[in-house]
Protein backbone atom coordinates (compact mmCIF):
# COMPACT_ATOMS: atom_id res chain seq x y z
CA UNK A 1 -63.01 -136.13 5.93
CA UNK A 2 -60.16 -138.58 5.44
CA UNK A 3 -60.17 -139.89 1.88
CA UNK A 4 -57.67 -142.27 0.20
CA UNK A 5 -57.28 -143.06 -3.38
CA UNK A 6 -57.15 -146.97 -4.06
CA UNK A 7 -53.59 -148.08 -4.76
CA UNK A 8 -53.00 -149.54 -8.13
CA UNK A 9 -50.30 -150.25 -10.59
CA UNK A 10 -51.20 -147.84 -13.47
CA UNK A 11 -52.75 -144.45 -13.98
CA UNK A 12 -55.31 -146.24 -16.30
CA UNK A 13 -56.34 -148.64 -13.55
CA UNK A 14 -56.55 -145.56 -11.11
CA UNK A 15 -58.88 -143.87 -13.48
CA UNK A 16 -61.20 -146.95 -13.80
CA UNK A 17 -61.45 -147.65 -9.94
CA UNK A 18 -61.52 -143.90 -9.01
CA UNK A 19 -64.58 -143.67 -11.39
CA UNK A 20 -66.27 -146.43 -9.52
CA UNK A 21 -65.32 -145.24 -6.04
CA UNK A 22 -66.03 -141.55 -6.45
CA UNK A 23 -69.01 -141.85 -8.65
CA UNK A 24 -70.86 -144.10 -6.28
CA UNK A 25 -69.86 -142.04 -3.10
CA UNK A 26 -70.62 -138.44 -3.97
CA UNK A 27 -71.40 -137.45 -0.47
CA UNK A 28 -72.44 -133.84 0.43
CA UNK A 29 -69.78 -131.94 -1.40
CA UNK A 30 -70.91 -128.98 -3.71
CA UNK A 31 -70.14 -129.99 -7.52
CA UNK A 32 -67.58 -127.27 -8.45
CA UNK A 33 -66.79 -125.69 -11.75
CA UNK A 34 -63.07 -125.40 -10.48
CA UNK A 35 -60.92 -127.51 -8.50
CA UNK A 36 -57.52 -126.34 -7.11
CA UNK A 37 -55.24 -129.40 -6.40
CA UNK A 38 -52.53 -128.57 -4.04
CA UNK A 39 -49.96 -131.38 -3.11
CA UNK A 40 -48.41 -131.12 0.34
CA UNK A 41 -45.75 -132.77 2.57
CA UNK A 42 -44.92 -131.02 5.76
CA UNK A 43 -45.89 -127.54 4.58
CA UNK A 44 -47.30 -126.28 7.92
CA UNK A 45 -45.39 -123.09 7.78
CA UNK A 46 -47.07 -122.00 4.47
CA UNK A 47 -50.10 -123.78 3.55
CA UNK A 48 -52.41 -121.70 5.53
CA UNK A 49 -51.38 -118.80 3.80
CA UNK A 50 -51.60 -120.35 0.50
CA UNK A 51 -55.20 -121.39 1.15
CA UNK A 52 -55.99 -117.97 2.28
CA UNK A 53 -54.71 -116.37 -0.59
CA UNK A 54 -56.74 -118.99 -2.96
CA UNK A 55 -60.10 -118.48 -1.03
CA UNK A 56 -59.55 -114.64 -1.10
CA UNK A 57 -58.94 -114.63 -4.98
CA UNK A 58 -61.77 -117.18 -5.73
CA UNK A 59 -64.27 -115.61 -3.33
CA UNK A 60 -67.71 -115.74 -4.98
CA UNK A 61 -66.79 -118.36 -7.44
CA UNK A 62 -67.79 -122.08 -7.50
CA UNK A 63 -64.69 -123.89 -6.39
CA UNK A 64 -62.99 -126.64 -4.18
CA UNK A 65 -59.36 -126.68 -2.90
CA UNK A 66 -58.26 -130.31 -2.67
CA UNK A 67 -55.04 -130.85 -0.58
CA UNK A 68 -53.38 -134.14 -1.50
CA UNK A 69 -51.35 -134.84 1.59
CA UNK A 70 -48.44 -137.22 1.75
CA UNK A 71 -48.85 -138.15 5.31
CA UNK A 72 -47.35 -135.08 6.93
CA UNK A 73 -46.13 -135.15 10.39
CA UNK A 74 -46.24 -131.48 11.22
CA UNK A 75 -50.06 -130.93 11.11
CA UNK A 76 -50.21 -129.78 7.55
CA UNK A 77 -53.40 -131.69 6.86
CA UNK A 78 -55.05 -130.24 9.93
CA UNK A 79 -54.43 -126.73 9.11
CA UNK A 80 -55.59 -127.21 5.52
CA UNK A 81 -58.91 -128.70 6.69
CA UNK A 82 -59.52 -125.99 9.18
CA UNK A 83 -58.80 -123.40 6.36
CA UNK A 84 -61.72 -125.17 4.57
CA UNK A 85 -59.95 -127.50 1.96
CA UNK A 86 -60.94 -130.98 1.19
CA UNK A 87 -58.00 -133.11 2.36
CA UNK A 88 -57.26 -136.43 0.86
CA UNK A 89 -54.20 -138.81 1.36
CA UNK A 90 -51.94 -140.38 -1.30
CA UNK A 91 -51.07 -144.10 -0.76
CA UNK A 92 -47.82 -143.88 -2.63
CA UNK A 93 -44.99 -141.32 -2.47
CA UNK A 94 -43.82 -138.46 -4.62
CA UNK A 95 -45.06 -135.08 -6.05
CA UNK A 96 -46.30 -136.85 -9.35
CA UNK A 97 -48.33 -139.38 -7.39
CA UNK A 98 -50.02 -136.60 -5.39
CA UNK A 99 -51.01 -134.73 -8.33
CA UNK A 100 -52.45 -137.71 -10.24
CA UNK A 101 -54.42 -138.60 -7.01
CA UNK A 102 -55.81 -135.10 -6.88
CA UNK A 103 -56.58 -134.95 -10.50
CA UNK A 104 -58.57 -138.12 -10.24
CA UNK A 105 -60.46 -136.93 -7.27
CA UNK A 106 -61.34 -133.65 -8.95
CA UNK A 107 -62.49 -135.35 -12.04
CA UNK A 108 -64.35 -138.32 -10.65
CA UNK A 109 -65.75 -137.08 -7.33
CA UNK A 110 -65.94 -133.41 -7.78
CA UNK A 111 -66.89 -133.46 -11.65
CA UNK A 112 -64.75 -130.20 -12.03
CA UNK A 113 -64.72 -128.43 -15.39
CA UNK A 114 -61.12 -127.11 -14.86
CA UNK A 115 -58.40 -128.18 -12.70
CA UNK A 116 -55.64 -125.81 -11.34
CA UNK A 117 -52.36 -127.23 -9.83
CA UNK A 118 -50.16 -125.26 -7.63
CA UNK A 119 -47.57 -125.78 -4.79
CA UNK A 120 -48.07 -125.17 -1.14
CA UNK A 121 -44.87 -123.36 -0.34
CA UNK A 122 -46.15 -119.69 -1.28
CA UNK A 123 -43.88 -119.62 -4.43
CA UNK A 124 -46.93 -118.97 -6.53
CA UNK A 125 -49.35 -116.18 -6.03
CA UNK A 126 -53.04 -117.25 -6.18
CA UNK A 127 -53.78 -113.96 -8.01
CA UNK A 128 -52.56 -115.52 -11.20
CA UNK A 129 -55.29 -118.25 -11.03
CA UNK A 130 -57.91 -116.21 -12.94
CA UNK A 131 -55.81 -115.41 -15.93
CA UNK A 132 -54.93 -119.12 -16.24
CA UNK A 133 -58.69 -120.20 -15.92
CA UNK A 134 -60.18 -117.75 -18.10
CA UNK A 135 -58.82 -118.82 -21.59
CA UNK A 136 -59.84 -122.38 -20.79
CA UNK A 137 -63.50 -121.35 -19.91
CA UNK A 138 -63.54 -119.34 -23.22
CA UNK A 139 -62.45 -122.35 -25.09
CA UNK A 140 -59.15 -120.74 -26.26
CA UNK A 141 -56.98 -123.49 -24.99
CA UNK A 142 -56.89 -126.92 -23.04
CA UNK A 143 -53.94 -126.42 -20.89
CA UNK A 144 -52.12 -123.39 -19.88
CA UNK A 145 -48.68 -123.45 -17.91
CA UNK A 146 -47.18 -120.48 -16.03
CA UNK A 147 -43.87 -119.04 -17.18
CA UNK A 148 -42.01 -118.08 -13.95
CA UNK A 149 -38.94 -116.62 -15.67
CA UNK A 150 -40.94 -113.60 -16.77
CA UNK A 151 -42.29 -112.89 -13.36
CA UNK A 152 -39.53 -114.20 -11.01
CA UNK A 153 -38.78 -112.18 -7.85
CA UNK A 154 -35.27 -111.65 -6.65
CA UNK A 155 -33.83 -114.70 -4.81
CA UNK A 156 -36.98 -116.84 -5.68
CA UNK A 157 -34.86 -119.60 -7.66
CA UNK A 158 -31.00 -120.39 -7.01
CA UNK A 159 -28.83 -119.83 -10.07
CA UNK A 160 -28.11 -123.49 -10.58
CA UNK A 161 -31.81 -124.18 -10.47
CA UNK A 162 -32.50 -121.47 -13.06
CA UNK A 163 -29.98 -122.63 -15.40
CA UNK A 164 -31.16 -126.19 -15.06
CA UNK A 165 -34.67 -125.21 -15.71
CA UNK A 166 -33.91 -123.35 -18.74
CA UNK A 167 -31.69 -126.06 -20.15
CA UNK A 168 -34.41 -128.63 -19.64
CA UNK A 169 -37.15 -126.36 -21.17
CA UNK A 170 -34.90 -125.82 -24.24
CA UNK A 171 -34.28 -129.42 -24.66
CA UNK A 172 -38.04 -130.11 -24.32
CA UNK A 173 -38.65 -127.38 -26.99
CA UNK A 174 -36.04 -129.02 -29.39
CA UNK A 175 -36.86 -132.76 -28.85
CA UNK A 176 -40.44 -132.78 -27.84
CA UNK A 177 -41.88 -129.87 -29.86
CA UNK A 178 -43.06 -128.04 -26.65
CA UNK A 179 -43.26 -124.43 -27.54
CA UNK A 180 -42.93 -123.28 -23.82
CA UNK A 181 -40.31 -121.18 -22.00
CA UNK A 182 -40.80 -122.92 -18.56
CA UNK A 183 -41.84 -126.66 -18.90
CA UNK A 184 -41.33 -127.17 -15.10
CA UNK A 185 -43.59 -124.63 -13.72
CA UNK A 186 -45.97 -125.96 -11.12
CA UNK A 187 -48.68 -123.64 -11.51
CA UNK A 188 -51.01 -124.50 -14.46
CA UNK A 189 -54.64 -124.99 -15.35
CA UNK A 190 -56.24 -127.47 -17.76
CA UNK A 191 -59.72 -128.89 -18.85
CA UNK A 192 -60.58 -131.63 -16.53
CA UNK A 193 -61.55 -133.98 -19.36
CA UNK A 194 -57.77 -134.31 -20.28
CA UNK A 195 -57.51 -136.55 -17.27
CA UNK A 196 -59.33 -139.11 -19.12
CA UNK A 197 -56.89 -139.12 -22.07
CA UNK A 198 -53.59 -138.57 -20.34
CA UNK A 199 -51.28 -141.68 -19.65
CA UNK A 200 -49.21 -140.65 -16.59
CA UNK A 201 -46.52 -142.81 -15.28
CA UNK A 202 -43.95 -140.50 -13.23
CA UNK A 203 -44.30 -140.49 -9.56
CA UNK A 204 -42.06 -137.74 -8.79
CA UNK A 205 -41.16 -134.30 -10.38
CA UNK A 206 -40.90 -135.53 -13.98
CA UNK A 207 -44.67 -135.56 -13.99
CA UNK A 208 -44.55 -131.86 -15.12
CA UNK A 209 -42.87 -132.63 -18.38
CA UNK A 210 -44.79 -135.85 -18.84
CA UNK A 211 -48.17 -134.22 -18.51
CA UNK A 212 -47.22 -131.55 -21.15
CA UNK A 213 -46.09 -134.18 -23.65
CA UNK A 214 -48.97 -136.35 -23.16
CA UNK A 215 -51.26 -133.26 -23.69
CA UNK A 216 -49.49 -132.35 -26.85
CA UNK A 217 -49.54 -135.74 -28.44
CA UNK A 218 -53.27 -136.09 -27.28
CA UNK A 219 -54.00 -133.33 -29.89
CA UNK A 220 -54.76 -130.69 -27.20
CA UNK A 221 -53.97 -127.08 -27.31
CA UNK A 222 -51.11 -125.65 -24.88
CA UNK A 223 -50.40 -122.16 -24.11
CA UNK A 224 -48.58 -120.20 -21.50
CA UNK A 225 -48.96 -116.99 -19.32
CA UNK A 226 -46.65 -114.96 -17.15
CA UNK A 227 -46.89 -115.79 -13.46
CA UNK A 228 -45.24 -114.48 -10.42
CA UNK A 229 -42.65 -116.84 -8.72
CA UNK A 230 -41.76 -115.83 -5.15
CA UNK A 231 -39.00 -117.18 -2.67
CA UNK A 232 -40.32 -120.35 -0.98
CA UNK A 233 -41.24 -120.74 2.75
CA UNK A 234 -40.01 -123.90 4.33
CA UNK A 235 -37.38 -126.53 3.43
CA UNK A 236 -36.90 -127.17 -0.21
CA UNK A 237 -37.59 -130.82 -1.23
CA UNK A 238 -36.09 -130.55 -4.78
CA UNK A 239 -32.57 -131.98 -5.37
CA UNK A 240 -31.32 -130.24 -8.46
CA UNK A 241 -28.99 -133.03 -9.55
CA UNK A 242 -31.17 -136.03 -8.81
CA UNK A 243 -34.48 -134.57 -10.06
CA UNK A 244 -32.83 -132.93 -12.95
CA UNK A 245 -31.44 -136.14 -14.22
CA UNK A 246 -34.76 -137.93 -13.55
CA UNK A 247 -36.56 -135.25 -15.60
CA UNK A 248 -33.89 -135.54 -18.49
CA UNK A 249 -34.52 -139.34 -18.38
CA UNK A 250 -38.09 -138.88 -18.61
CA UNK A 251 -37.76 -136.54 -21.77
CA UNK A 252 -35.55 -139.23 -23.48
CA UNK A 253 -38.28 -141.77 -22.72
CA UNK A 254 -41.02 -139.50 -23.94
CA UNK A 255 -39.10 -138.66 -27.11
CA UNK A 256 -38.72 -142.39 -27.70
CA UNK A 257 -42.37 -143.13 -27.22
CA UNK A 258 -43.80 -139.85 -28.99
CA UNK A 259 -41.19 -139.16 -31.64
CA UNK A 260 -39.58 -142.57 -32.53
CA UNK A 261 -38.35 -141.68 -35.88
CA UNK A 262 -36.37 -138.68 -34.42
CA UNK A 263 -35.14 -140.72 -31.42
CA UNK A 264 -33.89 -143.77 -33.42
CA UNK A 265 -33.12 -141.93 -36.36
CA UNK A 266 -30.85 -139.63 -34.51
CA UNK A 267 -28.95 -142.61 -33.18
CA UNK A 268 -28.83 -144.16 -36.54
CA UNK A 269 -27.50 -140.86 -38.13
CA UNK A 270 -24.79 -140.61 -35.41
CA UNK A 271 -23.53 -144.33 -35.98
CA UNK A 272 -23.87 -143.80 -39.77
CA UNK A 273 -21.85 -140.64 -39.92
CA UNK A 274 -19.11 -142.43 -37.83
CA UNK A 275 -19.06 -145.48 -39.82
CA UNK A 276 -19.10 -143.42 -43.00
CA UNK A 277 -16.17 -141.41 -41.69
CA UNK A 278 -13.98 -144.60 -41.13
CA UNK A 279 -15.12 -146.11 -44.51
CA UNK A 280 -13.97 -142.81 -46.28
CA UNK A 281 -10.65 -143.19 -44.46
CA UNK A 282 -10.12 -146.73 -45.37
CA UNK A 283 -11.03 -145.89 -49.04
CA UNK A 284 -8.53 -143.14 -49.16
CA UNK A 285 -5.88 -145.41 -47.91
CA UNK A 286 -6.86 -148.01 -50.53
CA UNK A 287 -6.76 -145.61 -53.39
CA UNK A 288 -3.25 -144.50 -52.24
CA UNK A 289 -1.56 -147.83 -51.31
CA UNK A 290 -4.02 -150.35 -53.28
CA UNK A 291 -3.99 -152.23 -49.77
CA UNK A 292 -6.15 -152.28 -46.82
CA UNK A 293 -4.10 -152.86 -43.75
CA UNK A 294 -6.48 -152.07 -41.04
CA UNK A 295 -9.00 -154.90 -41.19
CA UNK A 296 -10.64 -154.19 -37.60
CA UNK A 297 -11.46 -150.49 -38.80
CA UNK A 298 -13.19 -152.00 -41.90
CA UNK A 299 -15.16 -154.45 -39.88
CA UNK A 300 -15.95 -151.49 -37.40
CA UNK A 301 -17.28 -149.30 -40.39
CA UNK A 302 -19.36 -151.97 -41.64
CA UNK A 303 -20.98 -152.81 -38.39
CA UNK A 304 -21.53 -149.18 -37.58
CA UNK A 305 -23.35 -148.68 -41.08
CA UNK A 306 -25.39 -151.83 -40.52
CA UNK A 307 -26.37 -150.67 -37.04
CA UNK A 308 -27.30 -147.42 -38.55
CA UNK A 309 -29.66 -148.91 -41.13
CA UNK A 310 -31.17 -151.07 -38.27
CA UNK A 311 -31.97 -148.06 -36.05
CA UNK A 312 -33.41 -146.25 -39.21
CA UNK A 313 -35.65 -149.13 -39.91
CA UNK A 314 -36.59 -149.46 -36.27
CA UNK A 315 -37.56 -145.69 -36.25
CA UNK A 316 -39.74 -146.17 -39.21
CA UNK A 317 -41.47 -149.19 -37.92
CA UNK A 318 -41.97 -147.69 -34.52
CA UNK A 319 -43.27 -144.41 -36.03
CA UNK A 320 -46.03 -146.37 -38.05
CA UNK A 321 -47.06 -148.19 -34.91
CA UNK A 322 -47.23 -144.88 -33.05
CA UNK A 323 -49.42 -143.39 -35.72
CA UNK A 324 -51.61 -146.41 -35.87
CA UNK A 325 -52.11 -146.44 -32.13
CA UNK A 326 -52.93 -142.76 -32.16
CA UNK A 327 -55.67 -143.28 -34.99
CA UNK A 328 -57.24 -146.23 -32.84
CA UNK A 329 -57.10 -143.98 -29.59
CA UNK A 330 -58.96 -141.21 -31.44
């Protein structure tokens, strides 16, 4: 079976067209309770073992494994198909795009109740899937993400990547209010209905943090669980510096969109403090000499204080707009 999701400009359009495409073409697939979405790109060395683990762990359950392939050239898709997975193909590129394609397929075509996402490089242990799915089926949470740091095997993650992940997770906790220890973990489960309310834009690795932020500000419950993290099999596709900067940039954009008062107010506070410091210095000079000899500094202080006021005002207006949009959406 060779399925390809329609290429569109936005996730909202994808949801609409996928609904039309997959609802009208149900085929003979069994309607599952659980869909496991696995993005792949040249993972022939590991995808077979990953799928064997998934099928063994979920034996007796009602589930479908959806492999979303990025046009692999090493036979990854054929291996996955022989192992019993449904293989579909993404039209665009990137980890994030593959996941969005799989989410839409699971939601619109398979009518899954719960969606699990995991990687195809054997870093995650399929034995952790039941502990992620159970709290969702019990109604205790809406999205549950793994914490790799609590169950990481020796050599599973390079030191630089470990430090970078902890810094990004710490930044997310501080600025986005995500109370998680590992925001970049690629093993997570969530209620399939969330696909209808998430506005996902990222095509690459930043989708992980965007997904969590969108879930939080949609009013859904997020929790975490300890998962095993093993050394990967195959060639790593993650570029720590490039992808780290992209994730950081996405966090800043998300903070602007979800917490505009903090975003613009923070910039206003910084400019205001600098302008105030310069103003105090000029004032002290005037009190001492009764003259002001640094007119450029005076002008800079006034400009900074004016800019600070404008940023605060912009933050207040943006925050009101955000609240109104959220009320309308609900």
